[in-house]
Amino acid sequence: MNKYACYLSTPGAYGWGRCSENVAPFLRNDGVFVGETTMLRPPEVDAEIALSAISDFRFQYTSDKMGKKNVGYGFIENNILAKQHAYYADRLWDRIVCGSSWMKEWLSEAVEVDCDIVIQGVDLNEFRPEAKQGVSLPDTFTVGSFGKFEFRKGQDIVIKAMSLFQQMHPEVQLSYNWTNPWTGLIREFAWNSNTLVRMPYSLQDNLYTGQGAEFFDAVLAKNKVQNTYNTWRWPMRDAYLSCDVILFPNRCEAGTNLCLMEALECGIPCIVTNATGHTDITRFIEYPHKDLLLNCGKNKVFYQGDTPLGEWCDPCLDEVVSKLEQAYRMRDELAKRRTTRGLSESLTWKETARGLFDSMKTLDHKK
């Protein structure tokens, strides 16, 4: 039987996959067995201490392997639903590692199990403030938007803000990658009565797919946004570097928003909601874009039908447009900021792996 084992996720292009792929080598160096995950069978004990991904607000295992003691690593945005399922957290896990201070704060009030924080890292070899390679856009002011197309990430705010911003500055362009294979998340826009965008299809249509350009072309056209470039086939580093400023009006991040962290490491100025998981990044003294923070007011409960998605921040559209205008006016100043990275050098995948391993060792030593 293994002493320590890790079953996070299969390596892939999205959050969990990228996290697993990047921390695995460092965990192996610490003697942790890193295995593949599957839920084809009921979980069976395979290690003394096992680290696994938490499924969602129901706190279930995502692997058929477990330990005598179990550490769950989670990024849970649906804080209202999660509190209703706190019983499972205490029953299934011996320790929970949260992706942000925001998540730990509300979760610690709901569960009895010990909670910790481990922030995701950035590959400093890939994401750096150098000239982009192999791609180019017309030489005009470019706003970026990156992250899976889902309601909590606020692409409806991006679309509405860009529509208004382009009325003042028609030459401004949008560079984006909203690819999302989970169509249920895309449908949250159609479900939510508070959304600012007009979707091109009804809930009954079978056209909710984020795997190509046509769907997003239709969304943007429906909302009269012009001069758009879907960079879904570009390397993410080149996509970030195509922008003068990147907009993240995210309603909620249970982690620290990997796209935000990578863009900042490339030296790109960002307009960011100063709330939920983002605050673990924006709180750094050396954070270079405090003048572009979106200072959200009171939190708001957002719903899908009668089901609460979560209690999240509520970005103000007028403030977003104002910050875009501010960035446009100071674009020469923002260009000078691109010569330096925007994060603490401690935010690396090596440090993420160290934090996860420390949580496992702490549990090992706990009587």
Protein backbone atom coordinates (compact mmCIF):
# COMPACT_ATOMS: atom_id res chain seq x y z
CA MET A 1 0.00 0.00 0.00
CA ASN A 2 1.22 3.49 -0.85
CA LYS A 3 2.10 5.90 1.95
CA TYR A 4 0.92 8.96 -0.02
CA ALA A 5 -1.13 8.92 -3.22
CA CYS A 6 -2.62 11.62 -5.46
CA TYR A 7 -5.71 11.21 -7.67
CA LEU A 8 -6.57 14.69 -8.89
CA SER A 9 -7.54 14.43 -12.55
CA THR A 10 -6.43 13.30 -15.97
CA PRO A 11 -4.09 15.91 -17.51
CA GLY A 12 -5.92 18.18 -19.95
CA ALA A 13 -6.49 21.68 -21.28
CA TYR A 14 -8.84 22.89 -18.53
CA GLY A 15 -8.42 23.82 -14.88
CA TRP A 16 -8.24 20.44 -13.13
CA GLY A 17 -6.28 18.84 -15.92
CA ARG A 18 -3.72 21.61 -16.00
CA CYS A 19 -3.39 21.60 -12.22
CA SER A 20 -2.87 17.85 -12.13
CA GLU A 21 -0.36 17.91 -14.98
CA ASN A 22 1.72 20.66 -13.38
CA VAL A 23 1.83 19.45 -9.77
CA ALA A 24 2.33 15.75 -10.56
CA PRO A 25 6.10 15.91 -11.24
CA PHE A 26 6.79 17.75 -7.97
CA LEU A 27 4.59 15.38 -5.96
CA ARG A 28 6.40 12.39 -7.46
CA ASN A 29 9.69 13.94 -6.38
CA ASP A 30 8.33 13.94 -2.82
CA GLY A 31 7.53 10.24 -3.05
CA VAL A 32 3.80 10.59 -3.74
CA PHE A 33 2.25 7.97 -6.00
CA VAL A 34 0.30 9.80 -8.74
CA GLY A 35 -2.42 7.67 -10.32
CA GLU A 36 -5.20 8.04 -12.85
CA THR A 37 -8.79 8.66 -11.77
CA THR A 38 -11.92 6.75 -12.65
CA MET A 39 -15.36 6.39 -11.06
CA LEU A 40 -16.31 3.11 -12.71
CA ARG A 41 -16.14 1.29 -9.37
CA PRO A 42 -16.93 2.21 -5.74
CA PRO A 43 -13.92 3.78 -3.99
CA GLU A 44 -11.48 1.35 -2.36
CA VAL A 45 -8.60 2.04 0.02
CA ASP A 46 -5.31 2.31 -1.86
CA ALA A 47 -3.05 4.45 0.39
CA GLU A 48 -2.42 5.63 3.91
CA ILE A 49 -3.06 9.26 2.88
CA ALA A 50 -4.79 10.08 -0.43
CA LEU A 51 -5.23 13.45 -2.11
CA SER A 52 -8.24 13.67 -4.45
CA ALA A 53 -10.29 16.30 -6.23
CA ILE A 54 -13.66 17.18 -4.69
CA SER A 55 -16.43 16.78 -7.24
CA ASP A 56 -18.52 19.90 -6.58
CA PHE A 57 -20.84 21.30 -3.89
CA ARG A 58 -21.83 17.70 -2.99
CA PHE A 59 -18.27 16.96 -1.78
CA GLN A 60 -18.10 13.55 -3.49
CA TYR A 61 -14.96 11.63 -4.46
CA THR A 62 -13.83 11.87 -8.09
CA SER A 63 -11.78 8.67 -7.98
CA ASP A 64 -12.29 4.99 -7.24
CA LYS A 65 -9.16 5.14 -5.08
CA MET A 66 -9.04 6.57 -1.58
CA GLY A 67 -6.89 6.46 1.55
CA LYS A 68 -7.32 5.49 5.15
CA LYS A 69 -7.26 9.26 5.54
CA ASN A 70 -8.31 11.60 2.74
CA VAL A 71 -7.44 15.15 1.70
CA GLY A 72 -9.86 16.81 -0.72
CA TYR A 73 -8.74 19.65 -2.98
CA GLY A 74 -11.65 21.75 -4.15
CA PHE A 75 -12.80 24.84 -6.04
CA ILE A 76 -16.46 25.24 -5.08
CA GLU A 77 -18.32 28.35 -6.22
CA ASN A 78 -21.85 27.24 -5.26
CA ASN A 79 -21.43 28.24 -1.64
CA ILE A 80 -25.15 28.20 -0.78
CA LEU A 81 -25.67 24.65 -2.05
CA ALA A 82 -22.38 23.51 -0.51
CA LYS A 83 -23.46 24.60 2.96
CA GLN A 84 -26.58 22.46 2.54
CA HIS A 85 -24.34 19.44 1.81
CA ALA A 86 -21.82 20.06 4.61
CA TYR A 87 -22.69 16.69 6.15
CA TYR A 88 -20.94 14.93 3.27
CA ALA A 89 -17.82 17.06 3.67
CA ASP A 90 -17.44 15.98 7.29
CA ARG A 91 -18.25 12.36 6.50
CA LEU A 92 -16.02 11.83 3.45
CA TRP A 93 -12.95 13.99 4.09
CA ASP A 94 -10.40 14.31 6.88
CA ARG A 95 -9.07 17.60 5.54
CA ILE A 96 -10.19 19.99 2.79
CA VAL A 97 -7.79 22.16 0.83
CA CYS A 98 -9.46 25.23 -0.67
CA GLY A 99 -8.36 27.07 -3.79
CA SER A 100 -8.75 30.53 -2.22
CA SER A 101 -9.20 32.43 1.02
CA TRP A 102 -12.75 33.25 -0.04
CA MET A 103 -13.66 29.57 -0.25
CA LYS A 104 -11.99 28.73 3.06
CA GLU A 105 -13.81 31.57 4.81
CA TRP A 106 -17.34 30.41 3.99
CA LEU A 107 -16.53 26.70 4.11
CA SER A 108 -14.95 26.87 7.57
CA GLU A 109 -18.25 28.21 8.89
CA ALA A 110 -20.17 25.25 7.45
CA VAL A 111 -18.01 22.17 8.12
CA GLU A 112 -16.21 20.67 11.10
CA VAL A 113 -13.33 19.16 9.13
CA ASP A 114 -10.06 21.15 9.03
CA CYS A 115 -9.69 23.51 6.06
CA ASP A 116 -6.52 24.77 4.42
CA ILE A 117 -5.61 26.99 1.42
CA VAL A 118 -3.36 26.12 -1.51
CA ILE A 119 -3.25 28.56 -4.41
CA GLN A 120 -2.64 27.42 -7.97
CA GLY A 121 0.59 28.35 -9.67
CA VAL A 122 1.81 29.60 -13.03
CA ASP A 123 4.37 28.10 -15.40
CA LEU A 124 6.93 30.91 -15.40
CA ASN A 125 8.77 29.38 -18.35
CA GLU A 126 5.73 29.63 -20.61
CA PHE A 127 4.03 32.83 -19.44
CA ARG A 128 6.40 35.78 -19.57
CA PRO A 129 6.30 39.41 -20.80
CA GLU A 130 8.00 38.97 -24.17
CA ALA A 131 6.90 39.65 -27.73
CA LYS A 132 4.26 37.25 -29.05
CA GLN A 133 5.24 34.76 -31.70
CA GLY A 134 3.38 33.66 -34.79
CA VAL A 135 0.19 35.73 -34.41
CA SER A 136 -0.77 39.37 -34.81
CA LEU A 137 -3.79 41.63 -34.75
CA PRO A 138 -4.33 45.05 -36.32
CA ASP A 139 -2.54 47.79 -34.43
CA THR A 140 -5.47 49.23 -32.50
CA PHE A 141 -6.63 49.10 -28.88
CA THR A 142 -7.50 45.49 -28.00
CA VAL A 143 -9.51 44.27 -25.01
CA GLY A 144 -9.11 40.62 -24.02
CA SER A 145 -11.52 38.20 -22.37
CA PHE A 146 -10.51 34.66 -21.40
CA GLY A 147 -12.06 31.81 -19.46
CA LYS A 148 -14.83 29.24 -19.98
CA PHE A 149 -18.10 30.79 -21.16
CA GLU A 150 -20.23 30.57 -18.03
CA PHE A 151 -22.35 32.92 -16.00
CA ARG A 152 -20.08 33.23 -12.97
CA LYS A 153 -17.20 34.41 -15.19
CA GLY A 154 -19.26 37.34 -16.42
CA GLN A 155 -18.88 37.19 -20.19
CA ASP A 156 -22.32 38.79 -20.42
CA ILE A 157 -20.81 41.85 -18.73
CA VAL A 158 -17.86 41.76 -21.14
CA ILE A 159 -20.21 41.62 -24.15
CA LYS A 160 -22.49 44.42 -22.96
CA ALA A 161 -19.56 46.61 -21.89
CA MET A 162 -17.80 46.11 -25.24
CA SER A 163 -20.99 46.97 -27.12
CA LEU A 164 -21.21 50.25 -25.23
CA PHE A 165 -17.47 50.91 -25.42
CA GLN A 166 -17.38 50.41 -29.18
CA GLN A 167 -20.15 52.99 -29.59
CA MET A 168 -17.61 55.52 -28.26
CA HIS A 169 -14.57 53.95 -29.94
CA PRO A 170 -15.59 51.93 -33.02
CA GLU A 171 -12.01 50.90 -33.80
CA VAL A 172 -11.59 48.99 -30.51
CA GLN A 173 -11.45 45.22 -30.89
CA LEU A 174 -12.13 42.18 -28.71
CA SER A 175 -9.70 39.25 -28.48
CA TYR A 176 -11.23 36.27 -26.70
CA ASN A 177 -11.22 32.54 -25.96
CA TRP A 178 -14.41 31.30 -24.26
CA THR A 179 -14.19 27.63 -25.25
CA ASN A 180 -16.28 25.47 -22.92
CA PRO A 181 -17.11 21.80 -23.52
CA TRP A 182 -19.63 21.74 -20.64
CA THR A 183 -22.80 22.92 -22.36
CA GLY A 184 -24.75 22.95 -19.09
CA LEU A 185 -22.58 25.82 -17.89
CA ILE A 186 -23.19 27.74 -21.11
CA ARG A 187 -26.94 27.33 -20.63
CA GLU A 188 -26.73 29.23 -17.32
CA PHE A 189 -26.83 32.43 -19.37
CA ALA A 190 -30.18 31.47 -20.86
CA TRP A 191 -31.55 30.33 -17.50
CA ASN A 192 -30.55 33.40 -15.55
CA SER A 193 -33.04 36.25 -15.79
CA ASN A 194 -30.38 38.77 -14.73
CA THR A 195 -28.08 38.19 -17.69
CA LEU A 196 -27.19 41.20 -19.79
CA VAL A 197 -26.74 39.38 -23.10
CA ARG A 198 -29.22 38.15 -25.65
CA MET A 199 -28.51 34.54 -26.50
CA PRO A 200 -28.94 33.46 -30.14
CA TYR A 201 -30.77 30.25 -29.25
CA SER A 202 -33.51 29.19 -26.86
CA LEU A 203 -33.14 26.62 -24.09
CA GLN A 204 -34.76 24.03 -26.34
CA ASP A 205 -32.13 24.32 -29.07
CA ASN A 206 -29.29 21.83 -29.23
CA LEU A 207 -26.73 24.41 -30.31
CA TYR A 208 -25.09 25.26 -27.01
CA THR A 209 -21.53 24.26 -27.76
CA GLY A 210 -18.29 26.09 -27.08
CA GLN A 211 -16.14 23.90 -29.28
CA GLY A 212 -15.90 26.22 -32.27
CA ALA A 213 -16.26 29.76 -33.54
CA GLU A 214 -19.82 29.72 -34.86
CA PHE A 215 -21.63 29.79 -31.52
CA PHE A 216 -19.64 32.72 -30.16
CA ASP A 217 -19.86 34.56 -33.49
CA ALA A 218 -23.63 34.32 -33.14
CA VAL A 219 -23.60 35.54 -29.53
CA LEU A 220 -21.47 38.56 -30.36
CA ALA A 221 -23.43 39.42 -33.50
CA LYS A 222 -26.70 39.22 -31.57
CA ASN A 223 -25.30 41.79 -29.14
CA LYS A 224 -23.79 44.05 -31.82
CA VAL A 225 -20.14 43.61 -30.83
CA GLN A 226 -17.80 44.25 -33.77
CA ASN A 227 -14.09 43.68 -34.51
CA THR A 228 -13.74 40.36 -32.70
CA TYR A 229 -11.02 37.72 -32.85
CA ASN A 230 -11.64 34.25 -31.46
CA THR A 231 -8.18 33.05 -30.38
CA TRP A 232 -9.26 29.54 -29.37
CA ARG A 233 -6.66 27.96 -31.66
CA TRP A 234 -3.84 30.20 -30.45
CA PRO A 235 -1.38 29.33 -27.67
CA MET A 236 -2.77 31.04 -24.56
CA ARG A 237 0.42 33.06 -24.09
CA ASP A 238 0.05 34.58 -27.58
CA ALA A 239 -3.64 35.27 -26.95
CA TYR A 240 -2.85 37.21 -23.78
CA LEU A 241 -0.04 39.12 -25.47
CA SER A 242 -2.38 40.23 -28.27
CA CYS A 243 -4.20 42.51 -25.78
CA ASP A 244 -3.66 46.00 -24.41
CA VAL A 245 -5.85 45.20 -21.41
CA ILE A 246 -7.76 42.10 -20.31
CA LEU A 247 -11.17 42.27 -18.64
CA PHE A 248 -12.14 39.88 -15.82
CA PRO A 249 -15.52 41.03 -14.39
CA ASN A 250 -15.96 37.59 -12.82
CA ARG A 251 -18.81 37.20 -10.38
CA CYS A 252 -17.09 34.35 -8.57
CA GLU A 253 -13.83 32.42 -8.51
CA ALA A 254 -13.32 29.71 -5.90
CA GLY A 255 -9.71 29.62 -7.02
CA THR A 256 -7.56 32.53 -8.08
CA ASN A 257 -8.51 32.40 -11.79
CA LEU A 258 -5.73 30.71 -13.72
CA CYS A 259 -6.27 32.88 -16.81
CA LEU A 260 -5.86 36.02 -14.70
CA MET A 261 -2.65 34.72 -13.16
CA GLU A 262 -1.17 33.74 -16.52
CA ALA A 263 -2.10 37.08 -18.12
CA LEU A 264 -0.51 38.98 -15.25
CA GLU A 265 2.66 36.92 -15.57
CA CYS A 266 2.77 37.98 -19.23
CA GLY A 267 2.72 41.56 -17.98
CA ILE A 268 -0.74 42.38 -19.36
CA PRO A 269 -2.76 45.01 -17.41
CA CYS A 270 -6.06 43.58 -16.19
CA ILE A 271 -9.41 45.04 -15.12
CA VAL A 272 -10.47 42.72 -12.30
CA THR A 273 -13.29 42.31 -9.80
CA ASN A 274 -11.69 42.78 -6.39
CA ALA A 275 -13.75 40.00 -4.83
CA THR A 276 -13.95 36.24 -4.14
CA GLY A 277 -10.84 34.30 -5.17
CA HIS A 278 -9.33 37.25 -7.05
CA THR A 279 -8.44 38.93 -3.76
CA ASP A 280 -5.66 36.43 -3.09
CA ILE A 281 -3.94 37.97 -6.12
CA THR A 282 -4.96 41.63 -5.89
CA ARG A 283 -3.96 41.86 -2.20
CA PHE A 284 -0.24 41.67 -2.97
CA ILE A 285 1.51 44.99 -2.28
CA GLU A 286 3.34 44.68 -5.60
CA TYR A 287 0.13 44.06 -7.59
CA PRO A 288 0.63 46.62 -10.41
CA HIS A 289 -2.93 47.41 -11.53
CA LYS A 290 -4.77 48.51 -8.41
CA ASP A 291 -6.09 51.53 -10.32
CA LEU A 292 -8.03 49.14 -12.59
CA LEU A 293 -9.75 47.11 -9.86
CA LEU A 294 -13.54 46.83 -9.94
CA ASN A 295 -14.77 47.60 -6.43
CA CYS A 296 -17.94 45.51 -6.24
CA GLY A 297 -20.62 46.38 -3.73
CA LYS A 298 -22.82 43.98 -1.79
CA ASN A 299 -22.97 40.33 -2.76
CA LYS A 300 -26.04 39.00 -4.52
CA VAL A 301 -27.66 35.56 -4.74
CA PHE A 302 -27.83 34.36 -8.35
CA TYR A 303 -30.23 31.61 -9.43
CA GLN A 304 -30.81 29.01 -12.12
CA GLY A 305 -34.56 28.76 -12.05
CA ASP A 306 -35.36 28.30 -8.36
CA THR A 307 -31.91 26.88 -7.55
CA PRO A 308 -29.31 29.31 -6.18
CA LEU A 309 -26.05 29.22 -8.13
CA GLY A 310 -24.31 31.03 -5.29
CA GLU A 311 -23.89 34.25 -3.35
CA TRP A 312 -21.40 36.15 -5.47
CA CYS A 313 -20.24 39.68 -6.19
CA ASP A 314 -22.36 41.82 -8.52
CA PRO A 315 -20.13 43.88 -10.86
CA CYS A 316 -21.47 47.24 -11.97
CA LEU A 317 -21.68 47.59 -15.76
CA ASP A 318 -21.16 51.36 -15.62
CA GLU A 319 -17.95 50.88 -13.62
CA VAL A 320 -16.69 48.30 -16.11
CA VAL A 321 -17.25 50.68 -19.03
CA SER A 322 -15.59 53.48 -17.03
CA LYS A 323 -12.51 51.32 -16.39
CA LEU A 324 -12.31 50.42 -20.08
CA GLU A 325 -12.39 54.12 -20.92
CA GLN A 326 -9.71 54.78 -18.30
CA ALA A 327 -7.50 52.07 -19.77
CA TYR A 328 -8.06 53.49 -23.26
CA ARG A 329 -6.98 56.98 -22.17
CA MET A 330 -3.87 55.69 -20.38
CA ARG A 331 -2.88 53.09 -22.97
CA ASP A 332 0.63 54.53 -23.32
CA GLU A 333 1.14 54.15 -19.57
CA LEU A 334 -0.25 50.61 -19.65
CA ALA A 335 2.16 49.73 -22.45
CA LYS A 336 5.07 50.63 -20.16
CA ARG A 337 3.75 48.29 -17.45
CA ARG A 338 4.01 45.32 -19.83
CA THR A 339 7.78 45.15 -19.28
CA THR A 340 7.35 43.61 -15.82
CA ARG A 341 5.51 40.62 -14.46
CA GLY A 342 2.49 41.22 -12.31
CA LEU A 343 2.61 38.49 -9.64
CA SER A 344 4.61 37.33 -6.69
CA GLU A 345 7.30 34.86 -7.80
CA SER A 346 6.09 32.51 -5.05
CA LEU A 347 2.95 31.67 -7.06
CA THR A 348 4.39 28.69 -8.94
CA TRP A 349 3.24 25.11 -9.48
CA LYS A 350 6.16 23.96 -7.36
CA GLU A 351 4.75 25.91 -4.41
CA THR A 352 1.27 24.52 -5.14
CA ALA A 353 2.62 20.98 -4.97
CA ARG A 354 4.50 21.78 -1.78
CA GLY A 355 1.33 23.11 -0.16
CA LEU A 356 -0.63 20.00 -1.13
CA PHE A 357 2.07 17.68 0.16
CA ASP A 358 2.29 19.64 3.43
CA SER A 359 -1.46 19.20 3.91
CA MET A 360 -1.05 15.46 3.45
CA LYS A 361 1.84 15.31 5.92
CA THR A 362 -0.08 17.38 8.46
CA LEU A 363 -2.94 14.91 8.29
CA ASP A 364 -0.48 12.03 8.58
CA HIS A 365 0.86 13.44 11.85
CA LYS A 366 -2.55 14.29 13.27
CA LYS A 367 -3.75 11.84 15.90
